[in-house]
PDB file of all heavy atoms in Angstrom:
ATOM      1  N   ILE A   1       8.761 -55.389  56.091  1.00  0.00           N
ATOM      2  CA  ILE A   1       9.537 -55.501  57.322  1.00  0.00           C
ATOM      3  C   ILE A   1       8.893 -56.472  58.309  1.00  0.00           C
ATOM      4  O   ILE A   1       9.544 -57.383  58.838  1.00  0.00           O
ATOM      5  CB  ILE A   1       9.713 -54.097  57.965  1.00  0.00           C
ATOM      6  CG1 ILE A   1      10.644 -53.242  57.102  1.00  0.00           C
ATOM      7  CG2 ILE A   1      10.281 -54.211  59.391  1.00  0.00           C
ATOM      8  CD1 ILE A   1      10.711 -51.789  57.516  1.00  0.00           C
ATOM      9  N   VAL A   2       7.593 -56.284  58.583  1.00  0.00           N
ATOM     10  CA  VAL A   2       6.964 -57.080  59.633  1.00  0.00           C
ATOM     11  C   VAL A   2       6.809 -58.545  59.248  1.00  0.00           C
ATOM     12  O   VAL A   2       6.640 -59.413  60.124  1.00  0.00           O
ATOM     13  CB  VAL A   2       5.600 -56.495  60.062  1.00  0.00           C
ATOM     14  CG1 VAL A   2       5.776 -55.063  60.558  1.00  0.00           C
ATOM     15  CG2 VAL A   2       4.583 -56.560  58.937  1.00  0.00           C
ATOM     16  N   THR A   3       6.835 -58.862  57.946  1.00  0.00           N
ATOM     17  CA  THR A   3       6.724 -60.260  57.526  1.00  0.00           C
ATOM     18  C   THR A   3       8.102 -60.923  57.353  1.00  0.00           C
ATOM     19  O   THR A   3       8.155 -62.113  57.041  1.00  0.00           O
ATOM     20  CB  THR A   3       5.954 -60.371  56.206  1.00  0.00           C
ATOM     21  OG1 THR A   3       6.584 -59.578  55.188  1.00  0.00           O
ATOM     22  CG2 THR A   3       4.503 -59.906  56.379  1.00  0.00           C
ATOM     23  N   ASP A   4       9.160 -60.184  57.585  1.00  0.00           N
ATOM     24  CA  ASP A   4      10.501 -60.773  57.580  1.00  0.00           C
ATOM     25  C   ASP A   4      10.611 -61.718  58.778  1.00  0.00           C
ATOM     26  O   ASP A   4      10.325 -61.315  59.906  1.00  0.00           O
ATOM     27  CB  ASP A   4      11.552 -59.668  57.669  1.00  0.00           C
ATOM     28  CG  ASP A   4      12.976 -60.158  57.482  1.00  0.00           C
ATOM     29  OD1 ASP A   4      13.300 -61.232  58.040  1.00  0.00           O
ATOM     30  OD2 ASP A   4      13.757 -59.462  56.819  1.00  0.00           O
ATOM     31  N   PRO A   5      11.013 -62.964  58.577  1.00  0.00           N
ATOM     32  CA  PRO A   5      11.120 -63.902  59.697  1.00  0.00           C
ATOM     33  C   PRO A   5      12.016 -63.416  60.826  1.00  0.00           C
ATOM     34  O   PRO A   5      11.853 -63.852  61.987  1.00  0.00           O
ATOM     35  CB  PRO A   5      11.680 -65.161  59.049  1.00  0.00           C
ATOM     36  CG  PRO A   5      11.313 -65.062  57.606  1.00  0.00           C
ATOM     37  CD  PRO A   5      11.338 -63.611  57.273  1.00  0.00           C
ATOM     38  N   ASP A   6      12.945 -62.538  60.522  1.00  0.00           N
ATOM     39  CA  ASP A   6      13.846 -62.023  61.546  1.00  0.00           C
ATOM     40  C   ASP A   6      13.269 -60.823  62.316  1.00  0.00           C
ATOM     41  O   ASP A   6      13.942 -60.263  63.185  1.00  0.00           O
ATOM     42  CB  ASP A   6      15.192 -61.605  60.933  1.00  0.00           C
ATOM     43  CG  ASP A   6      16.047 -62.815  60.560  1.00  0.00           C
ATOM     44  OD1 ASP A   6      15.883 -63.871  61.211  1.00  0.00           O
ATOM     45  OD2 ASP A   6      16.859 -62.686  59.624  1.00  0.00           O
ATOM     46  N   PHE A   7      12.036 -60.426  62.016  1.00  0.00           N
ATOM     47  CA  PHE A   7      11.447 -59.275  62.704  1.00  0.00           C
ATOM     48  C   PHE A   7      11.032 -59.626  64.134  1.00  0.00           C
ATOM     49  O   PHE A   7      11.123 -58.816  65.038  1.00  0.00           O
ATOM     50  CB  PHE A   7      10.241 -58.754  61.910  1.00  0.00           C
ATOM     51  CG  PHE A   7       9.637 -57.506  62.490  1.00  0.00           C
ATOM     52  CD1 PHE A   7      10.356 -56.321  62.563  1.00  0.00           C
ATOM     53  CD2 PHE A   7       8.333 -57.516  62.958  1.00  0.00           C
ATOM     54  CE1 PHE A   7       9.786 -55.170  63.093  1.00  0.00           C
ATOM     55  CE2 PHE A   7       7.751 -56.376  63.489  1.00  0.00           C
ATOM     56  CZ  PHE A   7       8.478 -55.192  63.559  1.00  0.00           C
ATOM     57  N   HIS A   8      10.519 -60.830  64.339  1.00  0.00           N
ATOM     58  CA  HIS A   8      10.146 -61.319  65.677  1.00  0.00           C
ATOM     59  C   HIS A   8       9.210 -60.348  66.406  1.00  0.00           C
ATOM     60  O   HIS A   8       9.419 -60.027  67.590  1.00  0.00           O
ATOM     61  CB  HIS A   8      11.394 -61.574  66.532  1.00  0.00           C
ATOM     62  CG  HIS A   8      12.254 -62.698  66.020  1.00  0.00           C
ATOM     63  ND1 HIS A   8      11.915 -64.021  66.181  1.00  0.00           N
ATOM     64  CD2 HIS A   8      13.440 -62.669  65.328  1.00  0.00           C
ATOM     65  CE1 HIS A   8      12.861 -64.779  65.619  1.00  0.00           C
ATOM     66  NE2 HIS A   8      13.801 -63.977  65.093  1.00  0.00           N
ATOM     67  N   GLY A   9       8.195 -59.880  65.702  1.00  0.00           N
ATOM     68  CA  GLY A   9       7.213 -58.995  66.309  1.00  0.00           C
ATOM     69  C   GLY A   9       7.780 -57.680  66.801  1.00  0.00           C
ATOM     70  O   GLY A   9       7.199 -57.027  67.658  1.00  0.00           O
ATOM     71  N   GLY A  10       8.916 -57.284  66.240  1.00  0.00           N
ATOM     72  CA  GLY A  10       9.560 -56.022  66.636  1.00  0.00           C
ATOM     73  C   GLY A  10      10.591 -56.178  67.726  1.00  0.00           C
ATOM     74  O   GLY A  10      11.245 -55.212  68.106  1.00  0.00           O
ATOM     75  N   HIS A  11      10.781 -57.419  68.246  1.00  0.00           N
ATOM     76  CA  HIS A  11      11.746 -57.643  69.335  1.00  0.00           C
ATOM     77  C   HIS A  11      12.958 -58.429  68.827  1.00  0.00           C
ATOM     78  O   HIS A  11      13.464 -59.319  69.522  1.00  0.00           O
ATOM     79  CB  HIS A  11      11.055 -58.351  70.490  1.00  0.00           C
ATOM     80  CG  HIS A  11       9.992 -57.537  71.153  1.00  0.00           C
ATOM     81  ND1 HIS A  11      10.281 -56.404  71.891  1.00  0.00           N
ATOM     82  CD2 HIS A  11       8.638 -57.656  71.160  1.00  0.00           C
ATOM     83  CE1 HIS A  11       9.148 -55.874  72.342  1.00  0.00           C
ATOM     84  NE2 HIS A  11       8.141 -56.604  71.914  1.00  0.00           N
ATOM     85  N   PHE A  12      13.393 -58.090  67.630  1.00  0.00           N
ATOM     86  CA  PHE A  12      14.522 -58.791  67.026  1.00  0.00           C
ATOM     87  C   PHE A  12      15.823 -58.570  67.763  1.00  0.00           C
ATOM     88  O   PHE A  12      16.759 -59.384  67.675  1.00  0.00           O
ATOM     89  CB  PHE A  12      14.668 -58.389  65.554  1.00  0.00           C
ATOM     90  CG  PHE A  12      14.686 -56.909  65.304  1.00  0.00           C
ATOM     91  CD1 PHE A  12      15.859 -56.165  65.346  1.00  0.00           C
ATOM     92  CD2 PHE A  12      13.494 -56.224  65.036  1.00  0.00           C
ATOM     93  CE1 PHE A  12      15.872 -54.810  65.125  1.00  0.00           C
ATOM     94  CE2 PHE A  12      13.496 -54.847  64.802  1.00  0.00           C
ATOM     95  CZ  PHE A  12      14.678 -54.150  64.830  1.00  0.00           C
ATOM     96  N   TYR A  13      15.927 -57.461  68.553  1.00  0.00           N
ATOM     97  CA  TYR A  13      17.150 -57.200  69.318  1.00  0.00           C
ATOM     98  C   TYR A  13      17.438 -58.371  70.265  1.00  0.00           C
ATOM     99  O   TYR A  13      18.599 -58.753  70.457  1.00  0.00           O
ATOM    100  CB  TYR A  13      17.016 -55.915  70.149  1.00  0.00           C
ATOM    101  CG  TYR A  13      16.387 -54.739  69.458  1.00  0.00           C
ATOM    102  CD1 TYR A  13      15.042 -54.410  69.695  1.00  0.00           C
ATOM    103  CD2 TYR A  13      17.118 -53.929  68.589  1.00  0.00           C
ATOM    104  CE1 TYR A  13      14.460 -53.317  69.079  1.00  0.00           C
ATOM    105  CE2 TYR A  13      16.525 -52.835  67.970  1.00  0.00           C
ATOM    106  CZ  TYR A  13      15.193 -52.540  68.217  1.00  0.00           C
ATOM    107  OH  TYR A  13      14.614 -51.467  67.616  1.00  0.00           O
ATOM    108  N   ARG A  14      16.384 -58.916  70.867  1.00  0.00           N
ATOM    109  CA  ARG A  14      16.577 -60.015  71.831  1.00  0.00           C
ATOM    110  C   ARG A  14      17.137 -61.269  71.169  1.00  0.00           C
ATOM    111  O   ARG A  14      17.727 -62.113  71.852  1.00  0.00           O
ATOM    112  CB  ARG A  14      15.222 -60.368  72.465  1.00  0.00           C
ATOM    113  CG  ARG A  14      14.542 -59.209  73.184  1.00  0.00           C
ATOM    114  CD  ARG A  14      13.161 -59.624  73.660  1.00  0.00           C
ATOM    115  NE  ARG A  14      12.433 -58.490  74.229  1.00  0.00           N
ATOM    116  CZ  ARG A  14      11.149 -58.560  74.645  1.00  0.00           C
ATOM    117  NH1 ARG A  14      10.499 -59.713  74.533  1.00  0.00           N
ATOM    118  NH2 ARG A  14      10.556 -57.494  75.126  1.00  0.00           N
ATOM    119  N   HIS A  15      16.949 -61.373  69.872  1.00  0.00           N
ATOM    120  CA  HIS A  15      17.392 -62.564  69.153  1.00  0.00           C
ATOM    121  C   HIS A  15      18.710 -62.350  68.420  1.00  0.00           C
ATOM    122  O   HIS A  15      19.207 -63.273  67.761  1.00  0.00           O
ATOM    123  CB  HIS A  15      16.309 -62.985  68.141  1.00  0.00           C
ATOM    124  CG  HIS A  15      14.988 -63.340  68.782  1.00  0.00           C
ATOM    125  ND1 HIS A  15      14.668 -64.625  69.145  1.00  0.00           N
ATOM    126  CD2 HIS A  15      13.942 -62.560  69.146  1.00  0.00           C
ATOM    127  CE1 HIS A  15      13.449 -64.637  69.682  1.00  0.00           C
ATOM    128  NE2 HIS A  15      12.991 -63.392  69.706  1.00  0.00           N
ATOM    129  N   GLY A  16      19.260 -61.150  68.542  1.00  0.00           N
ATOM    130  CA  GLY A  16      20.549 -60.868  67.924  1.00  0.00           C
ATOM    131  C   GLY A  16      20.523 -60.875  66.408  1.00  0.00           C
ATOM    132  O   GLY A  16      21.524 -61.179  65.765  1.00  0.00           O
ATOM    133  N   VAL A  17      19.368 -60.541  65.829  1.00  0.00           N
ATOM    134  CA  VAL A  17      19.236 -60.516  64.375  1.00  0.00           C
ATOM    135  C   VAL A  17      18.645 -59.165  63.942  1.00  0.00           C
ATOM    136  O   VAL A  17      18.178 -58.381  64.762  1.00  0.00           O
ATOM    137  CB  VAL A  17      18.340 -61.657  63.853  1.00  0.00           C
ATOM    138  CG1 VAL A  17      18.992 -63.008  64.158  1.00  0.00           C
ATOM    139  CG2 VAL A  17      16.941 -61.578  64.467  1.00  0.00           C
ATOM    140  N   VAL A  18      18.661 -58.929  62.647  1.00  0.00           N
ATOM    141  CA  VAL A  18      18.081 -57.726  62.045  1.00  0.00           C
ATOM    142  C   VAL A  18      17.224 -58.155  60.862  1.00  0.00           C
ATOM    143  O   VAL A  18      17.676 -58.987  60.051  1.00  0.00           O
ATOM    144  CB  VAL A  18      19.199 -56.755  61.568  1.00  0.00           C
ATOM    145  CG1 VAL A  18      18.595 -55.573  60.813  1.00  0.00           C
ATOM    146  CG2 VAL A  18      20.016 -56.259  62.748  1.00  0.00           C
ATOM    147  N   PRO A  19      16.012 -57.644  60.716  1.00  0.00           N
ATOM    148  CA  PRO A  19      15.166 -58.005  59.574  1.00  0.00           C
ATOM    149  C   PRO A  19      15.649 -57.310  58.297  1.00  0.00           C
ATOM    150  O   PRO A  19      14.972 -56.455  57.713  1.00  0.00           O
ATOM    151  CB  PRO A  19      13.785 -57.530  59.987  1.00  0.00           C
ATOM    152  CG  PRO A  19      14.040 -56.403  60.931  1.00  0.00           C
ATOM    153  CD  PRO A  19      15.308 -56.750  61.661  1.00  0.00           C
ATOM    154  N   LYS A  20      16.825 -57.721  57.845  1.00  0.00           N
ATOM    155  CA  LYS A  20      17.468 -57.036  56.717  1.00  0.00           C
ATOM    156  C   LYS A  20      16.686 -57.184  55.419  1.00  0.00           C
ATOM    157  O   LYS A  20      16.643 -56.252  54.606  1.00  0.00           O
ATOM    158  CB  LYS A  20      18.898 -57.558  56.540  1.00  0.00           C
ATOM    159  CG  LYS A  20      19.880 -57.046  57.574  1.00  0.00           C
ATOM    160  CD  LYS A  20      21.310 -57.269  57.129  1.00  0.00           C
ATOM    161  CE  LYS A  20      22.294 -56.483  58.004  1.00  0.00           C
ATOM    162  NZ  LYS A  20      23.670 -56.517  57.489  1.00  0.00           N
ATOM    163  N   ARG A  21      16.087 -58.336  55.221  1.00  0.00           N
ATOM    164  CA  ARG A  21      15.373 -58.527  53.965  1.00  0.00           C
ATOM    165  C   ARG A  21      14.253 -57.514  53.840  1.00  0.00           C
ATOM    166  O   ARG A  21      14.073 -56.888  52.787  1.00  0.00           O
ATOM    167  CB  ARG A  21      14.816 -59.956  53.870  1.00  0.00           C
ATOM    168  CG  ARG A  21      14.168 -60.267  52.530  1.00  0.00           C
ATOM    169  CD  ARG A  21      13.709 -61.694  52.461  1.00  0.00           C
ATOM    170  NE  ARG A  21      12.539 -61.925  53.340  1.00  0.00           N
ATOM    171  CZ  ARG A  21      11.940 -63.112  53.446  1.00  0.00           C
ATOM    172  NH1 ARG A  21      12.411 -64.162  52.816  1.00  0.00           N
ATOM    173  NH2 ARG A  21      10.893 -63.231  54.227  1.00  0.00           N
ATOM    174  N   GLY A  22      13.473 -57.345  54.916  1.00  0.00           N
ATOM    175  CA  GLY A  22      12.398 -56.369  54.894  1.00  0.00           C
ATOM    176  C   GLY A  22      12.870 -54.953  54.722  1.00  0.00           C
ATOM    177  O   GLY A  22      12.291 -54.159  53.966  1.00  0.00           O
ATOM    178  N   LEU A  23      13.963 -54.601  55.417  1.00  0.00           N
ATOM    179  CA  LEU A  23      14.527 -53.262  55.290  1.00  0.00           C
ATOM    180  C   LEU A  23      15.014 -52.995  53.863  1.00  0.00           C
ATOM    181  O   LEU A  23      14.857 -51.889  53.325  1.00  0.00           O
ATOM    182  CB  LEU A  23      15.660 -53.058  56.291  1.00  0.00           C
ATOM    183  CG  LEU A  23      15.263 -52.725  57.721  1.00  0.00           C
ATOM    184  CD1 LEU A  23      16.437 -52.883  58.666  1.00  0.00           C
ATOM    185  CD2 LEU A  23      14.715 -51.293  57.802  1.00  0.00           C
ATOM    186  N   ARG A  24      15.632 -54.009  53.260  1.00  0.00           N
ATOM    187  CA  ARG A  24      16.118 -53.839  51.886  1.00  0.00           C
ATOM    188  C   ARG A  24      14.966 -53.503  50.943  1.00  0.00           C
ATOM    189  O   ARG A  24      15.046 -52.571  50.136  1.00  0.00           O
ATOM    190  CB  ARG A  24      16.816 -55.111  51.412  1.00  0.00           C
ATOM    191  CG  ARG A  24      18.133 -55.413  52.097  1.00  0.00           C
ATOM    192  CD  ARG A  24      18.788 -56.623  51.426  1.00  0.00           C
ATOM    193  NE  ARG A  24      19.842 -57.187  52.221  1.00  0.00           N
ATOM    194  CZ  ARG A  24      19.791 -58.396  52.810  1.00  0.00           C
ATOM    195  NH1 ARG A  24      18.706 -59.147  52.678  1.00  0.00           N
ATOM    196  NH2 ARG A  24      20.799 -58.837  53.531  1.00  0.00           N
ATOM    197  N   ILE A  25      13.895 -54.267  51.053  1.00  0.00           N
ATOM    198  CA  ILE A  25      12.754 -54.056  50.158  1.00  0.00           C
ATOM    199  C   ILE A  25      12.115 -52.682  50.440  1.00  0.00           C
ATOM    200  O   ILE A  25      11.754 -51.960  49.498  1.00  0.00           O
ATOM    201  CB  ILE A  25      11.723 -55.177  50.336  1.00  0.00           C
ATOM    202  CG1 ILE A  25      12.348 -56.513  49.883  1.00  0.00           C
ATOM    203  CG2 ILE A  25      10.454 -54.887  49.526  1.00  0.00           C
ATOM    204  CD1 ILE A  25      11.499 -57.720  50.209  1.00  0.00           C
ATOM    205  N   ALA A  26      12.000 -52.326  51.709  1.00  0.00           N
ATOM    206  CA  ALA A  26      11.421 -51.029  52.040  1.00  0.00           C
ATOM    207  C   ALA A  26      12.221 -49.890  51.430  1.00  0.00           C
ATOM    208  O   ALA A  26      11.663 -48.936  50.861  1.00  0.00           O
ATOM    209  CB  ALA A  26      11.378 -50.861  53.561  1.00  0.00           C
ATOM    210  N   ARG A  27      13.537 -49.993  51.486  1.00  0.00           N
ATOM    211  CA  ARG A  27      14.381 -48.937  50.923  1.00  0.00           C
ATOM    212  C   ARG A  27      14.307 -48.938  49.402  1.00  0.00           C
ATOM    213  O   ARG A  27      14.340 -47.857  48.775  1.00  0.00           O
ATOM    214  CB  ARG A  27      15.822 -49.117  51.378  1.00  0.00           C
ATOM    215  CG  ARG A  27      16.735 -47.928  51.033  1.00  0.00           C
ATOM    216  CD  ARG A  27      16.198 -46.658  51.632  1.00  0.00           C
ATOM    217  NE  ARG A  27      17.175 -45.584  51.599  1.00  0.00           N
ATOM    218  CZ  ARG A  27      16.927 -44.357  52.014  1.00  0.00           C
ATOM    219  NH1 ARG A  27      15.739 -44.033  52.480  1.00  0.00           N
ATOM    220  NH2 ARG A  27      17.867 -43.428  51.970  1.00  0.00           N
ATOM    221  N   MET A  28      14.237 -50.096  48.795  1.00  0.00           N
ATOM    222  CA  MET A  28      14.118 -50.153  47.342  1.00  0.00           C
ATOM    223  C   MET A  28      12.847 -49.470  46.875  1.00  0.00           C
ATOM    224  O   MET A  28      12.859 -48.704  45.898  1.00  0.00           O
ATOM    225  CB  MET A  28      14.155 -51.618  46.869  1.00  0.00           C
ATOM    226  CG  MET A  28      15.519 -52.278  47.027  1.00  0.00           C
ATOM    227  SD  MET A  28      15.476 -54.071  46.858  1.00  0.00           S
ATOM    228  CE  MET A  28      15.234 -54.228  45.078  1.00  0.00           C
ATOM    229  N   ILE A  29      11.755 -49.714  47.597  1.00  0.00           N
ATOM    230  CA  ILE A  29      10.484 -49.041  47.259  1.00  0.00           C
ATOM    231  C   ILE A  29      10.647 -47.541  47.407  1.00  0.00           C
ATOM    232  O   ILE A  29      10.220 -46.747  46.542  1.00  0.00           O
ATOM    233  CB  ILE A  29       9.350 -49.546  48.164  1.00  0.00           C
ATOM    234  CG1 ILE A  29       9.062 -51.014  47.873  1.00  0.00           C
ATOM    235  CG2 ILE A  29       8.087 -48.711  47.987  1.00  0.00           C
ATOM    236  CD1 ILE A  29       8.189 -51.677  48.928  1.00  0.00           C
ATOM    237  N   GLY A  30      11.290 -47.128  48.491  1.00  0.00           N
ATOM    238  CA  GLY A  30      11.500 -45.695  48.733  1.00  0.00           C
ATOM    239  C   GLY A  30      12.282 -45.043  47.627  1.00  0.00           C
ATOM    240  O   GLY A  30      11.916 -43.964  47.129  1.00  0.00           O
ATOM    241  N   HIS A  31      13.360 -45.671  47.160  1.00  0.00           N
ATOM    242  CA  HIS A  31      14.189 -45.069  46.135  1.00  0.00           C
ATOM    243  C   HIS A  31      13.455 -44.937  44.816  1.00  0.00           C
ATOM    244  O   HIS A  31      13.703 -43.988  44.053  1.00  0.00           O
ATOM    245  CB  HIS A  31      15.495 -45.857  45.965  1.00  0.00           C
ATOM    246  CG  HIS A  31      16.608 -45.282  46.781  1.00  0.00           C
ATOM    247  ND1 HIS A  31      17.397 -44.234  46.355  1.00  0.00           N
ATOM    248  CD2 HIS A  31      17.044 -45.574  48.022  1.00  0.00           C
ATOM    249  CE1 HIS A  31      18.277 -43.931  47.288  1.00  0.00           C
ATOM    250  NE2 HIS A  31      18.083 -44.732  48.317  1.00  0.00           N
ATOM    251  N   ILE A  32      12.579 -45.854  44.526  1.00  0.00           N
ATOM    252  CA  ILE A  32      11.771 -45.723  43.308  1.00  0.00           C
ATOM    253  C   ILE A  32      10.935 -44.445  43.363  1.00  0.00           C
ATOM    254  O   ILE A  32      10.771 -43.738  42.368  1.00  0.00           O
ATOM    255  CB  ILE A  32      10.887 -46.953  43.120  1.00  0.00           C
ATOM    256  CG1 ILE A  32      11.746 -48.195  42.823  1.00  0.00           C
ATOM    257  CG2 ILE A  32       9.879 -46.745  41.974  1.00  0.00           C
ATOM    258  CD1 ILE A  32      10.960 -49.499  42.852  1.00  0.00           C
ATOM    259  N   THR A  33      10.421 -44.132  44.550  1.00  0.00           N
ATOM    260  CA  THR A  33       9.562 -42.943  44.680  1.00  0.00           C
ATOM    261  C   THR A  33      10.378 -41.656  44.805  1.00  0.00           C
ATOM    262  O   THR A  33       9.845 -40.566  44.563  1.00  0.00           O
ATOM    263  CB  THR A  33       8.629 -43.049  45.900  1.00  0.00           C
ATOM    264  OG1 THR A  33       9.393 -42.959  47.113  1.00  0.00           O
ATOM    265  CG2 THR A  33       7.865 -44.359  45.892  1.00  0.00           C
ATOM    266  N   TYR A  34      11.654 -41.743  45.187  1.00  0.00           N
ATOM    267  CA  TYR A  34      12.453 -40.540  45.361  1.00  0.00           C
ATOM    268  C   TYR A  34      12.984 -39.985  44.037  1.00  0.00           C
ATOM    269  O   TYR A  34      13.216 -38.792  43.923  1.00  0.00           O
ATOM    270  CB  TYR A  34      13.653 -40.801  46.281  1.00  0.00           C
ATOM    271  CG  TYR A  34      13.295 -41.270  47.670  1.00  0.00           C
ATOM    272  CD1 TYR A  34      14.179 -42.050  48.407  1.00  0.00           C
ATOM    273  CD2 TYR A  34      12.073 -40.947  48.249  1.00  0.00           C
ATOM    274  CE1 TYR A  34      13.858 -42.480  49.680  1.00  0.00           C
ATOM    275  CE2 TYR A  34      11.745 -41.386  49.524  1.00  0.00           C
ATOM    276  CZ  TYR A  34      12.640 -42.153  50.218  1.00  0.00           C
ATOM    277  OH  TYR A  34      12.327 -42.597  51.493  1.00  0.00           O
ATOM    278  N   LEU A  35      13.213 -40.882  43.054  1.00  0.00           N
ATOM    279  CA  LEU A  35      13.808 -40.450  41.798  1.00  0.00           C
ATOM    280  C   LEU A  35      12.734 -40.194  40.758  1.00  0.00           C
ATOM    281  O   LEU A  35      11.688 -40.847  40.737  1.00  0.00           O
ATOM    282  CB  LEU A  35      14.761 -41.538  41.269  1.00  0.00           C
ATOM    283  CG  LEU A  35      15.967 -41.885  42.147  1.00  0.00           C
ATOM    284  CD1 LEU A  35      16.775 -42.987  41.508  1.00  0.00           C
ATOM    285  CD2 LEU A  35      16.855 -40.654  42.356  1.00  0.00           C
ATOM    286  N   SER A  36      12.992 -39.236  39.877  1.00  0.00           N
ATOM    287  CA  SER A  36      12.066 -38.959  38.788  1.00  0.00           C
ATOM    288  C   SER A  36      12.256 -39.991  37.684  1.00  0.00           C
ATOM    289  O   SER A  36      13.317 -40.645  37.562  1.00  0.00           O
ATOM    290  CB  SER A  36      12.292 -37.560  38.229  1.00  0.00           C
ATOM    291  OG  SER A  36      13.513 -37.498  37.521  1.00  0.00           O
ATOM    292  N   ASP A  37      11.233 -40.137  36.851  1.00  0.00           N
ATOM    293  CA  ASP A  37      11.300 -41.043  35.709  1.00  0.00           C
ATOM    294  C   ASP A  37      12.446 -40.659  34.783  1.00  0.00           C
ATOM    295  O   ASP A  37      13.205 -41.501  34.290  1.00  0.00           O
ATOM    296  CB  ASP A  37       9.970 -41.003  34.960  1.00  0.00           C
ATOM    297  CG  ASP A  37       9.956 -41.930  33.749  1.00  0.00           C
ATOM    298  OD1 ASP A  37      10.207 -43.135  33.920  1.00  0.00           O
ATOM    299  OD2 ASP A  37       9.689 -41.442  32.628  1.00  0.00           O
ATOM    300  N   ASP A  38      12.636 -39.339  34.566  1.00  0.00           N
ATOM    301  CA  ASP A  38      13.708 -38.880  33.673  1.00  0.00           C
ATOM    302  C   ASP A  38      15.079 -39.231  34.208  1.00  0.00           C
ATOM    303  O   ASP A  38      15.963 -39.665  33.454  1.00  0.00           O
ATOM    304  CB  ASP A  38      13.604 -37.369  33.460  1.00  0.00           C
ATOM    305  CG  ASP A  38      12.425 -36.981  32.579  1.00  0.00           C
ATOM    306  OD1 ASP A  38      11.898 -37.870  31.876  1.00  0.00           O
ATOM    307  OD2 ASP A  38      12.041 -35.791  32.594  1.00  0.00           O
ATOM    308  N   VAL A  39      15.284 -39.045  35.510  1.00  0.00           N
ATOM    309  CA  VAL A  39      16.594 -39.345  36.094  1.00  0.00           C
ATOM    310  C   VAL A  39      16.873 -40.839  36.037  1.00  0.00           C
ATOM    311  O   VAL A  39      17.984 -41.265  35.708  1.00  0.00           O
ATOM    312  CB  VAL A  39      16.676 -38.821  37.543  1.00  0.00           C
ATOM    313  CG1 VAL A  39      17.855 -39.449  38.276  1.00  0.00           C
ATOM    314  CG2 VAL A  39      16.830 -37.297  37.542  1.00  0.00           C
ATOM    315  N   MET A  40      15.865 -41.645  36.342  1.00  0.00           N
ATOM    316  CA  MET A  40      16.087 -43.096  36.301  1.00  0.00           C
ATOM    317  C   MET A  40      16.447 -43.543  34.878  1.00  0.00           C
ATOM    318  O   MET A  40      17.328 -44.384  34.690  1.00  0.00           O
ATOM    319  CB  MET A  40      14.848 -43.831  36.794  1.00  0.00           C
ATOM    320  CG  MET A  40      14.611 -43.694  38.281  1.00  0.00           C
ATOM    321  SD  MET A  40      13.216 -44.653  38.880  1.00  0.00           S
ATOM    322  CE  MET A  40      13.940 -46.281  38.921  1.00  0.00           C
ATOM    323  N   ASN A  41      15.768 -42.987  33.894  1.00  0.00           N
ATOM    324  CA  ASN A  41      16.078 -43.357  32.515  1.00  0.00           C
ATOM    325  C   ASN A  41      17.426 -42.841  32.078  1.00  0.00           C
ATOM    326  O   ASN A  41      18.173 -43.515  31.360  1.00  0.00           O
ATOM    327  CB  ASN A  41      14.979 -42.853  31.579  1.00  0.00           C
ATOM    328  CG  ASN A  41      13.799 -43.793  31.518  1.00  0.00           C
ATOM    329  OD1 ASN A  41      13.960 -44.977  31.179  1.00  0.00           O
ATOM    330  ND2 ASN A  41      12.632 -43.319  31.845  1.00  0.00           N
ATOM    331  N   GLN A  42      17.772 -41.621  32.503  1.00  0.00           N
ATOM    332  CA  GLN A  42      19.054 -41.063  32.139  1.00  0.00           C
ATOM    333  C   GLN A  42      20.210 -41.829  32.764  1.00  0.00           C
ATOM    334  O   GLN A  42      21.231 -42.084  32.112  1.00  0.00           O
ATOM    335  CB  GLN A  42      19.116 -39.593  32.557  1.00  0.00           C
ATOM    336  CG  GLN A  42      20.392 -38.885  32.146  1.00  0.00           C
ATOM    337  CD  GLN A  42      20.427 -37.435  32.604  1.00  0.00           C
ATOM    338  OE1 GLN A  42      19.585 -36.999  33.380  1.00  0.00           O
ATOM    339  NE2 GLN A  42      21.402 -36.678  32.125  1.00  0.00           N
ATOM    340  N   LYS A  43      20.062 -42.202  34.031  1.00  0.00           N
ATOM    341  CA  LYS A  43      21.161 -42.881  34.740  1.00  0.00           C
ATOM    342  C   LYS A  43      21.268 -44.359  34.356  1.00  0.00           C
ATOM    343  O   LYS A  43      22.373 -44.907  34.276  1.00  0.00           O
ATOM    344  CB  LYS A  43      20.955 -42.761  36.248  1.00  0.00           C
ATOM    345  CG  LYS A  43      21.159 -41.377  36.812  1.00  0.00           C
ATOM    346  CD  LYS A  43      20.921 -41.335  38.299  1.00  0.00           C
ATOM    347  CE  LYS A  43      22.005 -42.087  39.058  1.00  0.00           C
ATOM    348  NZ  LYS A  43      21.874 -41.898  40.532  1.00  0.00           N
TER     349      LYS A  43
END
């Protein structure tokens, strides 16, 4: 998130942007940890 160019040191609201790339990656990492190995393989 913080290395996304749209983060702007946490003041992205002032620039009318959202650090979407960083948020996407953060959520992808989260989902890997939320699911079990068996469920990921089954699905």
